[in-house]
Amino acid sequence: MDVARRNNVTVTGNPGGRTVVLAHGFGCDQNMWRLTLPALVDHYRVVLFDYVGAGRSDLSAFSERRYSSLDGYSQDVVDVCEELDLRDAVFVGHSVSAMVGVLAADRAPERIGALVMIAPSPRYIDDEGYRGGFSEQDIDELLTSLESNYLGWSAVMAPVIMGNAERPELGEELRNSFCATDPDMARVFARTTFLSDSRDDLKTVKVPTLVLECTQDAVAPREVGAYVHQAVPGSSLVTLDATGHCPHMSAPEATNEAITAFLARLR
């Protein structure tokens, strides 16, 4: 198996620095980290990749059975770590990738030594005593709309997810990224993302963890950030002065400052 080709793995930055793995969220690819890279490449070795179905990944490697659970995506992460023989890497996961990182760290603890969760959500659907931000009906309607008209869904939802209505170019970029993703593969990833419940998995985290939330986020409200912080022993919670679900794109300076400060404390 050619993991580097399958996941379009890119390695850049300082070859002598600690490795930082950047993992994109649903409907995105590694290009979404371009505003993060300048803050890391001088001091850290940076690994980027695309999940199968996204970016320049090998689409022929897609398996609905494998990617119908977050375990399939976490295995991709472990495969990348093993291919590069990473040790004690810092995994930075955006959105659903934060939970993928939790699973990967539990599966291969020698490979991942710290986690950064950007706008994480272990469960998007509200539950008794838990606010995820969506009702079951909300998610059913979201998935039905996505599956019936993916391009139309992308045009409507990208600006909502991105927030920052006064900067429509950000929502447009996210829409273009959604539209570049194969609709059938996006359907599988969407169902996996929005129907998952990873709350119990948070208890398995044994590595230093930074949780980054935004002051306003339509996808992961602040109650979710507080929940993740409380559930992960010894984690740090930073509330960014940012809106939307993609602060690494909409507020890169604040996001980068929080990430690099956390990395510096790990030394």
Protein backbone atom coordinates (compact mmCIF):
# COMPACT_ATOMS: atom_id res chain seq x y z
CA MET A 1 0.00 0.00 0.00
CA ASP A 2 1.42 3.37 -1.05
CA VAL A 3 0.16 5.52 1.82
CA ALA A 4 1.97 8.63 0.60
CA ARG A 5 0.10 8.45 -2.71
CA ARG A 6 -3.20 7.34 -1.21
CA ASN A 7 -3.34 10.29 1.17
CA ASN A 8 -1.29 12.76 -0.88
CA VAL A 9 1.19 13.17 1.98
CA THR A 10 3.32 16.32 2.02
CA VAL A 11 6.26 16.87 4.38
CA THR A 12 7.73 20.34 4.83
CA GLY A 13 9.31 22.61 7.43
CA ASN A 14 12.31 22.05 9.68
CA PRO A 15 13.51 18.42 9.39
CA GLY A 16 15.12 18.66 12.82
CA GLY A 17 12.02 19.94 14.60
CA ARG A 18 9.23 18.07 16.35
CA THR A 19 6.65 16.78 13.90
CA VAL A 20 3.26 18.45 13.66
CA VAL A 21 0.55 16.65 11.67
CA LEU A 22 -2.22 18.87 10.27
CA ALA A 23 -5.55 17.14 9.59
CA HIS A 24 -8.36 18.88 7.71
CA GLY A 25 -12.09 18.63 8.37
CA PHE A 26 -15.09 17.55 6.29
CA GLY A 27 -15.19 18.85 2.73
CA CYS A 28 -11.70 20.34 2.95
CA ASP A 29 -8.15 19.33 2.06
CA GLN A 30 -4.63 20.18 3.16
CA ASN A 31 -4.69 23.50 1.30
CA MET A 32 -6.86 24.86 4.12
CA TRP A 33 -3.73 24.95 6.30
CA ARG A 34 -1.82 27.37 4.10
CA LEU A 35 -2.25 30.22 6.60
CA THR A 36 -1.03 27.99 9.44
CA LEU A 37 2.15 26.77 7.75
CA PRO A 38 4.14 30.03 7.98
CA ALA A 39 3.83 29.92 11.78
CA LEU A 40 5.24 26.39 11.97
CA VAL A 41 7.75 25.67 9.23
CA ASP A 42 10.75 27.44 10.77
CA HIS A 43 10.74 25.36 13.95
CA TYR A 44 8.70 22.26 13.20
CA ARG A 45 8.55 19.45 10.70
CA VAL A 46 5.04 19.62 9.27
CA VAL A 47 3.09 16.73 7.75
CA LEU A 48 -0.03 17.39 5.69
CA PHE A 49 -2.32 14.89 4.01
CA ASP A 50 -5.73 14.50 2.40
CA TYR A 51 -8.28 11.98 3.59
CA VAL A 52 -9.33 9.56 0.86
CA GLY A 53 -11.99 11.34 -1.18
CA ALA A 54 -10.53 14.81 -0.59
CA GLY A 55 -7.98 16.95 -2.40
CA ARG A 56 -5.47 14.98 -4.42
CA SER A 57 -5.94 11.71 -2.58
CA ASP A 58 -6.22 8.45 -4.50
CA LEU A 59 -9.98 8.18 -5.05
CA SER A 60 -9.66 4.55 -6.10
CA ALA A 61 -8.71 3.73 -2.51
CA PHE A 62 -12.13 4.79 -1.24
CA SER A 63 -14.23 2.17 0.54
CA GLU A 64 -17.67 3.02 1.87
CA ARG A 65 -17.36 0.24 4.41
CA ARG A 66 -14.04 1.57 5.75
CA TYR A 67 -15.03 5.21 5.86
CA SER A 68 -18.49 4.73 7.34
CA SER A 69 -16.95 5.11 10.77
CA LEU A 70 -14.31 7.42 12.23
CA ASP A 71 -12.16 4.33 12.79
CA GLY A 72 -11.43 4.23 9.06
CA TYR A 73 -10.15 7.79 9.07
CA SER A 74 -8.14 7.22 12.24
CA GLN A 75 -6.51 4.21 10.60
CA ASP A 76 -5.48 6.48 7.73
CA VAL A 77 -3.78 8.74 10.28
CA VAL A 78 -2.00 5.80 11.90
CA ASP A 79 -0.93 4.56 8.45
CA VAL A 80 0.58 7.96 7.65
CA CYS A 81 2.39 8.03 11.01
CA GLU A 82 3.75 4.53 10.46
CA GLU A 83 4.78 5.24 6.87
CA LEU A 84 6.86 8.21 8.07
CA ASP A 85 7.87 6.43 11.31
CA LEU A 86 6.62 9.36 13.36
CA ARG A 87 7.24 9.36 17.10
CA ASP A 88 5.65 11.68 19.64
CA ALA A 89 4.06 13.83 16.91
CA VAL A 90 1.62 16.64 17.67
CA PHE A 91 -1.69 16.02 15.90
CA VAL A 92 -3.68 19.14 14.98
CA GLY A 93 -7.21 18.24 13.94
CA HIS A 94 -9.91 20.60 12.71
CA SER A 95 -13.56 19.82 13.44
CA VAL A 96 -14.26 16.10 12.99
CA SER A 97 -10.52 15.47 12.68
CA ALA A 98 -10.13 16.37 16.35
CA MET A 99 -12.05 13.20 17.18
CA VAL A 100 -10.12 11.25 14.54
CA GLY A 101 -6.96 12.33 16.36
CA VAL A 102 -8.34 11.08 19.68
CA LEU A 103 -8.92 7.64 18.14
CA ALA A 104 -5.51 7.60 16.44
CA ALA A 105 -3.70 8.57 19.66
CA ASP A 106 -5.43 5.72 21.47
CA ARG A 107 -4.63 3.30 18.66
CA ALA A 108 -0.98 4.27 18.29
CA PRO A 109 0.13 6.07 21.48
CA GLU A 110 3.81 5.90 20.57
CA ARG A 111 3.10 7.88 17.40
CA ILE A 112 1.07 10.80 18.79
CA GLY A 113 2.28 12.66 21.85
CA ALA A 114 -0.06 15.68 21.96
CA LEU A 115 -3.34 16.87 20.49
CA VAL A 116 -4.66 20.22 19.30
CA MET A 117 -8.41 20.21 18.72
CA ILE A 118 -9.74 23.11 16.64
CA ALA A 119 -13.52 23.56 16.96
CA PRO A 120 -14.05 19.95 18.03
CA SER A 121 -17.38 18.23 18.56
CA PRO A 122 -17.70 14.70 19.91
CA ARG A 123 -21.42 14.65 19.06
CA TYR A 124 -23.37 17.10 16.94
CA ILE A 125 -26.84 15.96 18.02
CA ASP A 126 -28.28 17.17 21.33
CA ASP A 127 -28.72 14.53 24.00
CA GLU A 128 -30.06 14.49 27.54
CA GLY A 129 -27.74 16.73 29.55
CA TYR A 130 -25.66 17.52 26.46
CA ARG A 131 -25.95 20.29 23.87
CA GLY A 132 -24.33 19.47 20.56
CA GLY A 133 -26.05 22.29 18.71
CA PHE A 134 -28.42 20.26 16.50
CA SER A 135 -31.60 18.27 16.98
CA GLU A 136 -31.98 14.87 15.30
CA GLN A 137 -34.39 16.52 12.87
CA ASP A 138 -31.78 19.20 12.05
CA ILE A 139 -29.21 16.56 11.14
CA ASP A 140 -31.72 14.44 9.20
CA GLU A 141 -32.66 17.49 7.13
CA LEU A 142 -29.02 18.47 6.65
CA LEU A 143 -28.09 15.01 5.39
CA THR A 144 -31.18 14.72 3.18
CA SER A 145 -30.39 18.06 1.57
CA LEU A 146 -26.73 17.13 1.10
CA GLU A 147 -27.57 13.78 -0.47
CA SER A 148 -30.24 15.14 -2.82
CA ASN A 149 -28.35 18.19 -4.08
CA TYR A 150 -24.76 18.35 -2.88
CA LEU A 151 -23.77 21.40 -4.91
CA GLY A 152 -26.84 23.32 -3.76
CA TRP A 153 -26.21 22.25 -0.17
CA SER A 154 -22.61 23.43 -0.44
CA ALA A 155 -23.68 26.86 -1.70
CA VAL A 156 -26.10 27.31 1.21
CA MET A 157 -24.10 25.74 4.03
CA ALA A 158 -20.54 26.89 3.35
CA PRO A 159 -21.22 30.52 4.38
CA VAL A 160 -23.10 29.32 7.48
CA ILE A 161 -20.25 27.06 8.55
CA MET A 162 -17.59 29.66 7.82
CA GLY A 163 -19.46 32.55 9.42
CA ASN A 164 -17.89 36.00 8.86
CA ALA A 165 -20.66 37.16 6.52
CA GLU A 166 -18.82 40.44 6.03
CA ARG A 167 -16.03 38.47 4.33
CA PRO A 168 -17.94 36.47 1.70
CA GLU A 169 -14.71 35.34 0.03
CA LEU A 170 -14.12 32.97 2.97
CA GLY A 171 -17.47 31.25 2.51
CA GLU A 172 -16.83 31.11 -1.22
CA GLU A 173 -13.52 29.35 -0.69
CA LEU A 174 -15.14 26.77 1.55
CA ARG A 175 -17.95 26.27 -0.99
CA ASN A 176 -15.40 25.68 -3.72
CA SER A 177 -13.64 23.14 -1.52
CA PHE A 178 -16.90 21.33 -0.83
CA CYS A 179 -17.72 21.29 -4.54
CA ALA A 180 -14.32 19.84 -5.40
CA THR A 181 -15.05 16.81 -3.22
CA ASP A 182 -16.62 13.76 -4.87
CA PRO A 183 -20.33 13.92 -3.89
CA ASP A 184 -20.65 10.20 -3.16
CA MET A 185 -17.59 10.23 -0.94
CA ALA A 186 -18.73 13.46 0.72
CA ARG A 187 -22.07 11.80 1.50
CA VAL A 188 -20.31 8.99 3.37
CA PHE A 189 -18.00 11.36 5.25
CA ALA A 190 -20.93 13.62 6.15
CA ARG A 191 -22.97 10.79 7.63
CA THR A 192 -19.91 9.55 9.51
CA THR A 193 -19.24 13.05 10.83
CA PHE A 194 -22.69 14.23 11.83
CA LEU A 195 -23.99 10.93 13.21
CA SER A 196 -20.91 10.05 15.25
CA ASP A 197 -20.78 10.02 19.04
CA SER A 198 -17.22 10.10 20.36
CA ARG A 199 -17.95 11.34 23.86
CA ASP A 200 -16.71 8.18 25.55
CA ASP A 201 -13.52 8.27 23.48
CA LEU A 202 -12.50 11.55 25.10
CA LYS A 203 -11.84 9.65 28.32
CA THR A 204 -9.04 7.72 26.61
CA VAL A 205 -6.89 10.81 26.00
CA LYS A 206 -3.65 10.63 27.99
CA VAL A 207 -1.55 13.23 26.17
CA PRO A 208 -1.29 17.03 26.55
CA THR A 209 -4.28 18.54 24.76
CA LEU A 210 -5.27 22.01 23.61
CA VAL A 211 -8.93 22.71 22.84
CA LEU A 212 -9.57 25.76 20.66
CA GLU A 213 -13.08 27.17 20.37
CA CYS A 214 -14.52 30.33 18.82
CA THR A 215 -16.69 32.94 20.50
CA GLN A 216 -19.42 32.17 17.95
CA ASP A 217 -19.60 28.89 16.04
CA ALA A 218 -22.79 27.64 14.35
CA VAL A 219 -21.44 24.08 14.21
CA ALA A 220 -19.72 23.66 17.59
CA PRO A 221 -21.18 26.05 20.19
CA ARG A 222 -19.19 26.97 23.25
CA GLU A 223 -21.01 24.41 25.40
CA VAL A 224 -19.26 21.77 23.27
CA GLY A 225 -15.82 23.27 23.85
CA ALA A 226 -16.49 23.32 27.60
CA TYR A 227 -17.65 19.70 27.45
CA VAL A 228 -14.52 18.54 25.59
CA HIS A 229 -12.27 20.46 27.98
CA GLN A 230 -13.95 18.93 31.01
CA ALA A 231 -13.89 15.42 29.52
CA VAL A 232 -10.19 15.43 28.56
CA PRO A 233 -8.04 15.22 31.70
CA GLY A 234 -5.57 18.08 32.04
CA SER A 235 -6.57 19.77 28.78
CA SER A 236 -6.25 23.50 28.13
CA LEU A 237 -9.16 25.49 26.69
CA VAL A 238 -8.59 28.67 24.69
CA THR A 239 -11.50 30.74 23.41
CA LEU A 240 -10.38 32.55 20.29
CA ASP A 241 -11.67 36.02 19.47
CA ALA A 242 -13.07 34.61 16.25
CA THR A 243 -16.37 33.65 14.66
CA GLY A 244 -17.28 30.69 12.51
CA HIS A 245 -16.13 27.08 12.46
CA CYS A 246 -12.81 27.56 10.64
CA PRO A 247 -10.65 29.95 12.69
CA HIS A 248 -7.45 28.76 11.01
CA MET A 249 -8.86 30.43 7.88
CA SER A 250 -10.84 33.35 9.30
CA ALA A 251 -8.58 34.28 12.22
CA PRO A 252 -5.20 32.71 11.44
CA GLU A 253 -3.11 35.01 13.63
CA ALA A 254 -5.04 34.25 16.81
CA THR A 255 -5.20 30.55 15.93
CA ASN A 256 -1.51 30.32 15.16
CA GLU A 257 -0.58 32.17 18.33
CA ALA A 258 -2.56 29.70 20.44
CA ILE A 259 -1.07 26.68 18.66
CA THR A 260 2.55 27.88 18.82
CA ALA A 261 2.22 28.84 22.50
CA PHE A 262 0.98 25.30 23.23
CA LEU A 263 3.80 23.76 21.20
CA ALA A 264 6.37 25.86 23.04
CA ARG A 265 5.11 24.54 26.38
CA LEU A 266 5.63 20.97 25.19
CA ARG A 267 9.38 21.37 24.79
